[in-house]
Amino acid sequence: MNIMKFRFAIVTAAVLFAGSAHAEDLVFTLKNGTNSVLNNFYASPVGVGNWEDDIFGRQALGPGESMEITIADGRTVCEYDMRFEFQGDDLDTTTDTQNLCELGEYTIEE
């Protein structure tokens, strides 16, 4: 094997390996099944000590509304802790743990 073919084989193998290790985005529909406005939504992999940034940013999810959520954090884990914070004192902060790789839809309820 000449040196050019050898270099091509190494580069090709590196590209294939990097592609197979790439995590897919986690996408699901979040539905607000409560009578309160959901102001903040956080999701962090199980075992991470701190909550990641608020996924909603400046948005909120009103009663009965739904929103497509995409978590594109580059991780290859599926189990996430979730935290839901509601407007005012309507409802207490709620937490849950789910396998987001298998989740197509999640409804938060009172």
C-alpha atoms as a PDB file:
ATOM      1  CA  MET A   1       0.000   0.000   0.000  1.00  0.00           C
ATOM      2  CA  ASN A   2       1.499   3.316  -0.962  1.00  0.00           C
ATOM      3  CA  ILE A   3       1.607   6.239   1.489  1.00  0.00           C
ATOM      4  CA  MET A   4      -1.304   8.155  -0.138  1.00  0.00           C
ATOM      5  CA  LYS A   5      -3.671   5.176   0.135  1.00  0.00           C
ATOM      6  CA  PHE A   6      -2.562   4.621   3.737  1.00  0.00           C
ATOM      7  CA  ARG A   7      -3.283   8.259   4.682  1.00  0.00           C
ATOM      8  CA  PHE A   8      -6.693   8.108   2.962  1.00  0.00           C
ATOM      9  CA  ALA A   9      -7.561   4.942   4.911  1.00  0.00           C
ATOM     10  CA  ILE A  10      -6.642   6.599   8.231  1.00  0.00           C
ATOM     11  CA  VAL A  11      -8.618   9.764   7.448  1.00  0.00           C
ATOM     12  CA  THR A  12     -11.621   7.719   6.302  1.00  0.00           C
ATOM     13  CA  ALA A  13     -11.529   5.603   9.461  1.00  0.00           C
ATOM     14  CA  ALA A  14     -11.306   8.722  11.635  1.00  0.00           C
ATOM     15  CA  VAL A  15     -14.290  10.338   9.900  1.00  0.00           C
ATOM     16  CA  LEU A  16     -16.388   7.163  10.215  1.00  0.00           C
ATOM     17  CA  PHE A  17     -15.500   6.765  13.894  1.00  0.00           C
ATOM     18  CA  ALA A  18     -16.334  10.405  14.672  1.00  0.00           C
ATOM     19  CA  GLY A  19     -19.658  10.084  12.871  1.00  0.00           C
ATOM     20  CA  SER A  20     -20.667   6.970  14.780  1.00  0.00           C
ATOM     21  CA  ALA A  21     -19.859   8.593  18.139  1.00  0.00           C
ATOM     22  CA  HIS A  22     -21.979  11.685  17.373  1.00  0.00           C
ATOM     23  CA  ALA A  23     -25.068  11.960  19.570  1.00  0.00           C
ATOM     24  CA  GLU A  24     -28.486  12.529  18.078  1.00  0.00           C
ATOM     25  CA  ASP A  25     -30.654  15.422  19.215  1.00  0.00           C
ATOM     26  CA  LEU A  26     -33.394  14.473  21.664  1.00  0.00           C
ATOM     27  CA  VAL A  27     -36.739  15.745  20.342  1.00  0.00           C
ATOM     28  CA  PHE A  28     -40.151  15.427  21.989  1.00  0.00           C
ATOM     29  CA  THR A  29     -43.369  17.374  22.436  1.00  0.00           C
ATOM     30  CA  LEU A  30     -43.951  18.939  25.852  1.00  0.00           C
ATOM     31  CA  LYS A  31     -47.606  19.542  26.718  1.00  0.00           C
ATOM     32  CA  ASN A  32     -48.827  21.686  29.598  1.00  0.00           C
ATOM     33  CA  GLY A  33     -51.784  19.770  31.026  1.00  0.00           C
ATOM     34  CA  THR A  34     -52.112  22.109  34.009  1.00  0.00           C
ATOM     35  CA  ASN A  35     -54.192  25.238  34.560  1.00  0.00           C
ATOM     36  CA  SER A  36     -51.034  27.295  35.171  1.00  0.00           C
ATOM     37  CA  VAL A  37     -48.411  28.947  32.976  1.00  0.00           C
ATOM     38  CA  LEU A  38     -45.181  26.966  32.801  1.00  0.00           C
ATOM     39  CA  ASN A  39     -42.416  29.596  32.885  1.00  0.00           C
ATOM     40  CA  ASN A  40     -39.237  27.546  33.073  1.00  0.00           C
ATOM     41  CA  PHE A  41     -38.177  24.087  31.943  1.00  0.00           C
ATOM     42  CA  TYR A  42     -34.784  22.581  32.751  1.00  0.00           C
ATOM     43  CA  ALA A  43     -33.334  19.213  31.773  1.00  0.00           C
ATOM     44  CA  SER A  44     -30.011  17.753  32.898  1.00  0.00           C
ATOM     45  CA  PRO A  45     -28.600  14.261  32.532  1.00  0.00           C
ATOM     46  CA  VAL A  46     -29.179  12.100  35.600  1.00  0.00           C
ATOM     47  CA  GLY A  47     -26.240  12.477  37.986  1.00  0.00           C
ATOM     48  CA  VAL A  48     -25.307  16.024  36.944  1.00  0.00           C
ATOM     49  CA  GLY A  49     -25.270  18.129  40.096  1.00  0.00           C
ATOM     50  CA  ASN A  50     -26.611  21.368  38.601  1.00  0.00           C
ATOM     51  CA  TRP A  51     -29.501  22.281  36.337  1.00  0.00           C
ATOM     52  CA  GLU A  52     -28.574  23.289  32.800  1.00  0.00           C
ATOM     53  CA  ASP A  53     -29.924  26.527  31.255  1.00  0.00           C
ATOM     54  CA  ASP A  54     -33.669  27.129  31.024  1.00  0.00           C
ATOM     55  CA  ILE A  55     -34.760  25.513  27.756  1.00  0.00           C
ATOM     56  CA  PHE A  56     -37.637  27.985  27.310  1.00  0.00           C
ATOM     57  CA  GLY A  57     -35.452  31.069  27.450  1.00  0.00           C
ATOM     58  CA  ARG A  58     -37.941  33.958  27.248  1.00  0.00           C
ATOM     59  CA  GLN A  59     -40.846  31.751  26.196  1.00  0.00           C
ATOM     60  CA  ALA A  60     -43.561  30.248  28.399  1.00  0.00           C
ATOM     61  CA  LEU A  61     -46.071  27.458  27.901  1.00  0.00           C
ATOM     62  CA  GLY A  62     -49.667  28.327  28.712  1.00  0.00           C
ATOM     63  CA  PRO A  63     -52.319  25.903  29.966  1.00  0.00           C
ATOM     64  CA  GLY A  64     -53.219  23.378  27.267  1.00  0.00           C
ATOM     65  CA  GLU A  65     -50.388  24.490  24.970  1.00  0.00           C
ATOM     66  CA  SER A  66     -47.624  22.280  23.596  1.00  0.00           C
ATOM     67  CA  MET A  67     -44.139  22.920  22.270  1.00  0.00           C
ATOM     68  CA  GLU A  68     -41.551  20.828  20.457  1.00  0.00           C
ATOM     69  CA  ILE A  69     -38.447  20.540  22.637  1.00  0.00           C
ATOM     70  CA  THR A  70     -35.011  19.785  21.209  1.00  0.00           C
ATOM     71  CA  ILE A  71     -32.091  18.976  23.480  1.00  0.00           C
ATOM     72  CA  ALA A  72     -28.963  19.173  21.369  1.00  0.00           C
ATOM     73  CA  ASP A  73     -26.301  19.004  24.055  1.00  0.00           C
ATOM     74  CA  GLY A  74     -24.062  16.516  22.234  1.00  0.00           C
ATOM     75  CA  ARG A  75     -24.316  13.934  24.981  1.00  0.00           C
ATOM     76  CA  THR A  76     -24.983  10.266  24.346  1.00  0.00           C
ATOM     77  CA  VAL A  77     -27.165   9.712  27.422  1.00  0.00           C
ATOM     78  CA  CYS A  78     -30.927   9.194  27.485  1.00  0.00           C
ATOM     79  CA  GLU A  79     -31.927   9.530  31.150  1.00  0.00           C
ATOM     80  CA  TYR A  80     -32.634  13.163  32.070  1.00  0.00           C
ATOM     81  CA  ASP A  81     -33.918  14.852  35.193  1.00  0.00           C
ATOM     82  CA  MET A  82     -36.488  17.516  34.361  1.00  0.00           C
ATOM     83  CA  ARG A  83     -37.580  20.539  36.395  1.00  0.00           C
ATOM     84  CA  PHE A  84     -40.754  22.543  35.771  1.00  0.00           C
ATOM     85  CA  GLU A  85     -41.346  25.980  37.318  1.00  0.00           C
ATOM     86  CA  PHE A  86     -44.754  27.621  37.150  1.00  0.00           C
ATOM     87  CA  GLN A  87     -45.804  31.273  37.204  1.00  0.00           C
ATOM     88  CA  GLY A  88     -46.279  32.776  40.636  1.00  0.00           C
ATOM     89  CA  ASP A  89     -47.465  30.438  43.359  1.00  0.00           C
ATOM     90  CA  ASP A  90     -49.975  28.610  41.143  1.00  0.00           C
ATOM     91  CA  LEU A  91     -48.185  25.256  41.402  1.00  0.00           C
ATOM     92  CA  ASP A  92     -45.110  24.022  43.215  1.00  0.00           C
ATOM     93  CA  THR A  93     -41.945  23.310  41.245  1.00  0.00           C
ATOM     94  CA  THR A  94     -42.168  19.774  39.882  1.00  0.00           C
ATOM     95  CA  THR A  95     -39.381  17.357  38.948  1.00  0.00           C
ATOM     96  CA  ASP A  96     -39.352  14.060  37.068  1.00  0.00           C
ATOM     97  CA  THR A  97     -36.863  11.675  35.437  1.00  0.00           C
ATOM     98  CA  GLN A  98     -37.457  10.243  31.966  1.00  0.00           C
ATOM     99  CA  ASN A  99     -35.692   8.378  29.175  1.00  0.00           C
ATOM    100  CA  LEU A 100     -35.800  11.140  26.557  1.00  0.00           C
ATOM    101  CA  CYS A 101     -34.508   8.862  23.775  1.00  0.00           C
ATOM    102  CA  GLU A 102     -37.757   6.892  23.905  1.00  0.00           C
ATOM    103  CA  LEU A 103     -40.080   9.791  24.685  1.00  0.00           C
ATOM    104  CA  GLY A 104     -42.200  11.190  21.876  1.00  0.00           C
ATOM    105  CA  GLU A 105     -44.482  13.258  24.071  1.00  0.00           C
ATOM    106  CA  TYR A 106     -44.560  14.344  27.714  1.00  0.00           C
ATOM    107  CA  THR A 107     -47.516  15.966  29.480  1.00  0.00           C
ATOM    108  CA  ILE A 108     -46.975  17.805  32.747  1.00  0.00           C
ATOM    109  CA  GLU A 109     -50.094  17.543  34.906  1.00  0.00           C
ATOM    110  CA  GLU A 110     -51.242  18.876  38.266  1.00  0.00           C
END
